[in-house]
Amino acid sequence: MIRYFIVILFTTTASFAQMGVMNNPNEIEIAGLEYGYMPDLGGTEIRNIRANVNLAKPIGKSIIGLGLGYQNFDFTFNEATNVIDLDSYENMHAIRANLSFIRPLGNSWTFIASVGPTLMSNFGDGVSSEDFVFNILAGASKRWGDFDRNTMVMIGLLYGTQFGEPRFLPALSLRQKLNEHWSYSIGLPITSLNYQINDRHRLALLASPEGLFANNSDAVAVDGNRILTDTKLQFNGLNTRLAYTFRFAKFLAFSAEGGFIPAATLKVLDNENEDIYDLEPESGAYFRVGLKLLLNRKQRIETIKERNNED
């Protein structure tokens, strides 16, 4: 049954790791499991575990896709404050689901749309409407060239938490595959320079915004005299990194990356998104390792063409 599925080319996600399919023209990521660690972000220690699955099925000339993802953020706040008790912000979850639609429009244009909810919360008092954030992407892409050397431009609009509080952002991207080794992408949501050493090894320099805007459903005391619920923990920054991928089996790869977030934001907001307490994290380094289930993009395109010819 695997030949009936391909990974969708664009998804809206809470973490841009799932958007990595946009910066590598050679591979498609079906699933991934990663662990990340940031030892010191201005006095805060952060551990992150995330898993994702992205599948799609051709229906006629269109593609319907389903993306699922989970992230756990474990914060260790090493500073004391009398403003607010930070204990209930230490463990945050993000659960993502999105439905995508891709359809060719002619003249190498493709329409892309993706929508779905993300629950971002500590789930301290169950699930409420305050836990939900909707992720939206709508746009079109145009492609020139063949598989071995091509250019693609994407123009669209996205809505998400890449910069913390949910907002609309332009989705603009220019991607070029120069030859069998070099490719790059410039724009939002991701900028990258990729070097495919050989079939097994790949290096990439990447920069992309990454954000969390999680609800705390517990009641918390602020300044010792106010009790608030549905406060928010905002964490975001520009994630710059060097990534290495080693494909040790036909469909499996090990990934490792080291990065630096030069100007992060980490603060607590009230239920009207006004600042309560700013941890002033400044900057910090991190590393991340993971396993990925990958398919070769060219082989999957040929498989789909064969299936369409059979139909």
Protein backbone atom coordinates (compact mmCIF):
# COMPACT_ATOMS: atom_id res chain seq x y z
CA MET A 1 0.00 0.00 0.00
CA ILE A 2 2.94 2.35 0.46
CA ARG A 3 3.04 3.07 -3.28
CA TYR A 4 -0.30 4.90 -2.96
CA PHE A 5 1.15 7.48 -0.61
CA ILE A 6 3.52 10.42 -0.91
CA VAL A 7 4.42 13.08 1.57
CA ILE A 8 2.79 16.45 1.05
CA LEU A 9 5.12 19.14 -0.23
CA PHE A 10 3.95 21.89 2.11
CA THR A 11 2.45 21.72 5.59
CA THR A 12 1.72 24.23 8.31
CA THR A 13 3.23 23.04 11.54
CA ALA A 14 4.03 24.19 15.01
CA SER A 15 7.69 23.36 14.38
CA PHE A 16 9.45 24.11 11.05
CA ALA A 17 11.20 20.82 11.16
CA GLN A 18 8.14 19.44 9.43
CA MET A 19 8.59 22.09 6.80
CA GLY A 20 12.02 20.76 6.01
CA VAL A 21 10.68 19.10 2.87
CA MET A 22 10.76 22.56 1.31
CA ASN A 23 14.55 22.92 1.42
CA ASN A 24 15.67 19.51 0.15
CA PRO A 25 14.70 18.77 -3.45
CA ASN A 26 16.00 15.19 -3.31
CA GLU A 27 14.12 13.67 -0.35
CA ILE A 28 10.65 13.51 1.13
CA GLU A 29 10.23 13.05 4.89
CA ILE A 30 7.37 10.72 5.85
CA ALA A 31 8.01 10.55 9.59
CA GLY A 32 10.50 11.74 12.17
CA LEU A 33 11.40 11.47 15.85
CA GLU A 34 13.76 14.06 17.39
CA TYR A 35 15.26 15.10 20.72
CA GLY A 36 16.57 18.61 21.31
CA TYR A 37 18.43 20.21 24.22
CA MET A 38 19.24 23.84 24.98
CA PRO A 39 21.41 23.94 28.13
CA ASP A 40 21.32 27.67 28.84
CA LEU A 41 18.95 30.21 27.32
CA GLY A 42 19.56 33.14 29.64
CA GLY A 43 19.24 30.92 32.71
CA THR A 44 16.54 28.59 31.33
CA GLU A 45 17.19 24.98 30.33
CA ILE A 46 14.95 23.54 27.60
CA ARG A 47 14.40 19.95 26.46
CA ASN A 48 12.22 19.16 23.47
CA ILE A 49 10.88 15.90 22.04
CA ARG A 50 8.91 15.87 18.81
CA ALA A 51 7.42 13.34 16.43
CA ASN A 52 5.61 13.80 13.14
CA VAL A 53 3.95 11.83 10.36
CA ASN A 54 3.00 13.30 6.97
CA LEU A 55 1.10 11.23 4.40
CA ALA A 56 -0.88 11.99 1.29
CA LYS A 57 -2.83 10.19 -1.42
CA PRO A 58 -3.31 11.18 -5.07
CA ILE A 59 -6.98 11.59 -6.02
CA GLY A 60 -7.23 12.26 -9.72
CA LYS A 61 -4.95 15.19 -10.49
CA SER A 62 -5.04 16.42 -6.88
CA ILE A 63 -3.31 15.30 -3.70
CA ILE A 64 -5.01 15.14 -0.29
CA GLY A 65 -2.59 15.11 2.63
CA LEU A 66 -2.75 14.46 6.37
CA GLY A 67 -0.13 15.66 8.82
CA LEU A 68 0.11 14.71 12.50
CA GLY A 69 2.66 15.89 15.03
CA TYR A 70 3.46 16.05 18.75
CA GLN A 71 5.96 18.13 20.70
CA ASN A 72 6.84 18.22 24.38
CA PHE A 73 8.68 21.20 25.86
CA ASP A 74 10.33 20.76 29.25
CA PHE A 75 11.48 24.09 30.73
CA THR A 76 13.75 24.36 33.78
CA PHE A 77 13.61 27.94 35.03
CA ASN A 78 16.75 28.60 37.07
CA GLU A 79 15.81 32.10 38.20
CA ALA A 80 13.54 33.01 41.10
CA THR A 81 10.86 35.68 40.92
CA ASN A 82 8.20 37.03 43.26
CA VAL A 83 6.02 38.13 40.34
CA ILE A 84 4.67 34.69 39.40
CA ASP A 85 5.14 31.01 40.21
CA LEU A 86 6.68 29.44 37.09
CA ASP A 87 6.17 25.80 38.10
CA SER A 88 3.01 25.28 36.03
CA TYR A 89 4.82 26.51 32.88
CA GLU A 90 7.54 23.88 33.04
CA ASN A 91 5.87 21.24 30.88
CA MET A 92 4.07 22.23 27.68
CA HIS A 93 2.60 20.12 24.89
CA ALA A 94 1.82 20.84 21.24
CA ILE A 95 -0.42 18.45 19.29
CA ARG A 96 -0.87 19.19 15.60
CA ALA A 97 -3.20 17.91 12.88
CA ASN A 98 -3.60 19.40 9.43
CA LEU A 99 -5.33 18.57 6.17
CA SER A 100 -3.69 19.66 2.92
CA PHE A 101 -4.81 19.98 -0.68
CA ILE A 102 -2.49 20.30 -3.69
CA ARG A 103 -3.66 20.66 -7.29
CA PRO A 104 -1.79 21.52 -10.51
CA LEU A 105 -3.18 24.57 -12.31
CA GLY A 106 -1.33 24.36 -15.61
CA ASN A 107 1.78 26.09 -16.96
CA SER A 108 3.77 24.55 -14.06
CA TRP A 109 1.65 26.36 -11.44
CA THR A 110 0.38 24.45 -8.39
CA PHE A 111 -2.25 25.52 -5.85
CA ILE A 112 -1.47 24.67 -2.22
CA ALA A 113 -3.74 24.89 0.83
CA SER A 114 -3.38 23.49 4.34
CA VAL A 115 -5.43 24.02 7.48
CA GLY A 116 -5.63 22.39 10.87
CA PRO A 117 -5.72 22.90 14.64
CA THR A 118 -2.84 22.77 17.08
CA LEU A 119 -3.35 22.28 20.80
CA MET A 120 -0.66 24.12 22.79
CA SER A 121 -1.13 23.74 26.53
CA ASN A 122 0.04 22.30 29.81
CA PHE A 123 -3.39 20.57 29.97
CA GLY A 124 -3.47 21.36 33.69
CA ASP A 125 -7.26 21.71 33.73
CA GLY A 126 -8.21 19.59 30.73
CA VAL A 127 -8.76 20.97 27.23
CA SER A 128 -10.45 24.30 26.47
CA SER A 129 -10.86 26.64 23.51
CA GLU A 130 -7.87 28.65 24.80
CA ASP A 131 -5.61 25.69 23.97
CA PHE A 132 -6.37 25.80 20.23
CA VAL A 133 -4.41 27.66 17.58
CA PHE A 134 -5.29 27.24 13.91
CA ASN A 135 -2.51 26.94 11.36
CA ILE A 136 -3.32 28.03 7.81
CA LEU A 137 -1.34 28.09 4.58
CA ALA A 138 -2.67 29.10 1.16
CA GLY A 139 -0.64 29.90 -1.91
CA ALA A 140 0.70 28.85 -5.27
CA SER A 141 4.04 27.70 -6.59
CA LYS A 142 5.58 27.75 -10.06
CA ARG A 143 8.35 25.45 -11.19
CA TRP A 144 10.86 25.67 -14.06
CA GLY A 145 13.32 23.02 -15.23
CA ASP A 146 13.59 19.27 -14.69
CA PHE A 147 14.34 17.13 -11.65
CA ASP A 148 18.12 17.47 -11.86
CA ARG A 149 18.14 21.27 -12.16
CA ASN A 150 15.14 23.42 -11.40
CA THR A 151 13.77 26.59 -9.86
CA MET A 152 10.60 26.97 -7.81
CA VAL A 153 8.89 30.11 -6.52
CA MET A 154 6.16 30.05 -3.88
CA ILE A 155 3.82 32.94 -3.07
CA GLY A 156 1.20 32.72 -0.36
CA LEU A 157 -0.04 33.56 3.11
CA LEU A 158 0.34 31.63 6.35
CA TYR A 159 -1.08 31.97 9.86
CA GLY A 160 0.70 30.45 12.82
CA THR A 161 2.95 30.82 15.87
CA GLN A 162 6.31 31.08 14.15
CA PHE A 163 6.90 34.46 15.80
CA GLY A 164 5.11 33.67 19.07
CA GLU A 165 1.61 35.12 19.23
CA PRO A 166 -0.44 33.80 16.25
CA ARG A 167 -0.39 36.15 13.28
CA PHE A 168 -0.62 36.29 9.50
CA LEU A 169 2.69 36.20 7.63
CA PRO A 170 3.69 36.16 3.97
CA ALA A 171 4.88 32.81 2.64
CA LEU A 172 7.49 33.74 0.05
CA SER A 173 10.17 31.36 -1.10
CA LEU A 174 12.62 30.96 -3.96
CA ARG A 175 14.22 27.53 -4.23
CA GLN A 176 16.82 26.41 -6.76
CA LYS A 177 18.46 23.07 -7.34
CA LEU A 178 21.71 23.99 -9.07
CA ASN A 179 23.07 20.48 -9.69
CA GLU A 180 23.19 17.06 -8.04
CA HIS A 181 25.10 18.50 -5.05
CA TRP A 182 23.99 22.08 -4.41
CA SER A 183 20.60 23.65 -3.76
CA TYR A 184 19.31 26.62 -1.79
CA SER A 185 16.12 28.35 -0.69
CA ILE A 186 15.58 31.98 0.28
CA GLY A 187 12.54 33.43 2.01
CA LEU A 188 9.95 32.69 4.65
CA PRO A 189 9.36 30.23 6.28
CA ILE A 190 12.88 28.89 5.69
CA THR A 191 16.22 29.92 4.20
CA SER A 192 18.81 27.23 3.55
CA LEU A 193 21.95 26.21 1.70
CA ASN A 194 22.18 22.46 1.05
CA TYR A 195 25.08 20.28 -0.04
CA GLN A 196 24.36 16.67 -1.01
CA ILE A 197 27.74 14.98 -0.52
CA ASN A 198 26.52 11.66 -1.92
CA ASP A 199 23.50 9.37 -1.64
CA ARG A 200 24.10 8.87 2.10
CA HIS A 201 25.46 12.16 3.44
CA ARG A 202 24.02 15.68 3.34
CA LEU A 203 24.90 19.00 4.99
CA ALA A 204 22.71 22.08 5.30
CA LEU A 205 22.87 25.58 6.75
CA LEU A 206 19.39 26.75 7.74
CA ALA A 207 17.60 29.70 9.30
CA SER A 208 13.91 29.78 10.21
CA PRO A 209 11.61 31.26 12.85
CA GLU A 210 10.40 28.84 15.51
CA GLY A 211 7.75 29.53 18.11
CA LEU A 212 5.55 28.25 20.91
CA PHE A 213 2.45 30.01 22.21
CA ALA A 214 1.08 27.64 24.86
CA ASN A 215 -1.87 28.08 27.20
CA ASN A 216 -1.57 27.50 30.94
CA SER A 217 -5.02 26.45 32.12
CA ASP A 218 -4.00 26.36 35.80
CA ALA A 219 -4.85 29.27 38.08
CA VAL A 220 -1.69 31.25 38.90
CA ALA A 221 -1.06 34.02 41.40
CA VAL A 222 0.47 37.21 39.98
CA ASP A 223 2.15 39.80 42.24
CA GLY A 224 0.68 37.92 45.17
CA ASN A 225 -2.77 39.51 44.81
CA ARG A 226 -4.20 38.50 41.40
CA ILE A 227 -5.38 35.06 40.36
CA LEU A 228 -5.34 34.49 36.59
CA THR A 229 -6.24 31.58 34.35
CA ASP A 230 -5.48 30.94 30.68
CA THR A 231 -2.17 32.75 30.79
CA LYS A 232 0.29 32.07 27.97
CA LEU A 233 3.93 31.07 27.68
CA GLN A 234 5.52 32.61 24.58
CA PHE A 235 8.81 31.24 23.30
CA ASN A 236 10.17 32.16 19.89
CA GLY A 237 13.31 33.12 18.04
CA LEU A 238 15.27 32.81 14.82
CA ASN A 239 16.67 29.29 14.69
CA THR A 240 20.03 29.21 12.85
CA ARG A 241 21.75 25.84 12.54
CA LEU A 242 24.08 23.43 10.78
CA ALA A 243 22.41 20.10 10.04
CA TYR A 244 23.87 16.75 9.00
CA THR A 245 21.88 13.79 7.66
CA PHE A 246 23.25 10.26 7.30
CA ARG A 247 21.10 7.83 5.35
CA PHE A 248 22.13 4.47 6.82
CA ALA A 249 19.37 2.38 5.21
CA LYS A 250 17.16 2.65 2.14
CA PHE A 251 14.39 4.53 3.95
CA LEU A 252 16.03 5.49 7.28
CA ALA A 253 18.30 8.39 8.17
CA PHE A 254 20.03 9.75 11.27
CA SER A 255 20.04 13.52 11.68
CA ALA A 256 22.09 15.79 13.92
CA GLU A 257 22.20 19.55 14.14
CA GLY A 258 23.79 22.23 16.22
CA GLY A 259 22.38 25.70 16.29
CA PHE A 260 22.16 29.11 17.87
CA ILE A 261 19.16 31.32 18.60
CA PRO A 262 20.61 34.86 18.65
CA ALA A 263 17.65 36.86 20.02
CA ALA A 264 15.02 34.70 21.69
CA THR A 265 11.79 35.71 23.41
CA LEU A 266 10.58 33.86 26.52
CA LYS A 267 7.84 35.48 28.58
CA VAL A 268 4.52 34.95 30.34
CA LEU A 269 1.41 36.80 29.12
CA ASP A 270 -1.99 37.27 30.73
CA ASN A 271 -5.28 36.19 29.15
CA GLU A 272 -5.32 39.42 27.10
CA ASN A 273 -1.79 38.75 25.79
CA GLU A 274 -0.25 41.53 27.88
CA ASP A 275 3.17 40.94 29.44
CA ILE A 276 3.28 39.62 33.00
CA TYR A 277 6.89 38.54 33.27
CA ASP A 278 9.77 38.61 30.77
CA LEU A 279 12.57 36.13 31.41
CA GLU A 280 14.85 38.12 29.04
CA PRO A 281 16.61 35.03 27.65
CA GLU A 282 18.81 36.84 25.10
CA SER A 283 20.53 34.01 23.16
CA GLY A 284 21.53 30.37 23.45
CA ALA A 285 23.02 27.36 21.67
CA TYR A 286 21.36 23.96 21.25
CA PHE A 287 21.73 20.56 19.64
CA ARG A 288 19.21 18.09 18.22
CA VAL A 289 19.38 14.46 17.08
CA GLY A 290 16.75 12.32 15.41
CA LEU A 291 15.65 9.49 13.15
CA LYS A 292 13.73 10.04 9.92
CA LEU A 293 11.80 7.88 7.50
CA LEU A 294 12.65 9.18 4.02
CA LEU A 295 11.73 8.48 0.43
CA ASN A 296 13.58 9.53 -2.69
CA ARG A 297 11.50 12.25 -4.35
CA LYS A 298 12.34 11.23 -7.92
CA GLN A 299 11.40 7.58 -7.32
CA ARG A 300 8.07 8.59 -5.77
CA ILE A 301 7.22 10.88 -8.69
CA GLU A 302 7.91 8.03 -11.12
CA THR A 303 5.77 5.66 -9.03
CA ILE A 304 2.83 8.07 -9.06
CA LYS A 305 3.14 8.53 -12.82
CA GLU A 306 3.10 4.74 -13.27
CA ARG A 307 0.00 4.45 -11.09
CA ASN A 308 -1.79 7.22 -13.00
CA ASN A 309 -0.97 5.48 -16.28
CA GLU A 310 -2.40 2.23 -14.90
CA ASP A 311 -5.61 4.04 -13.91
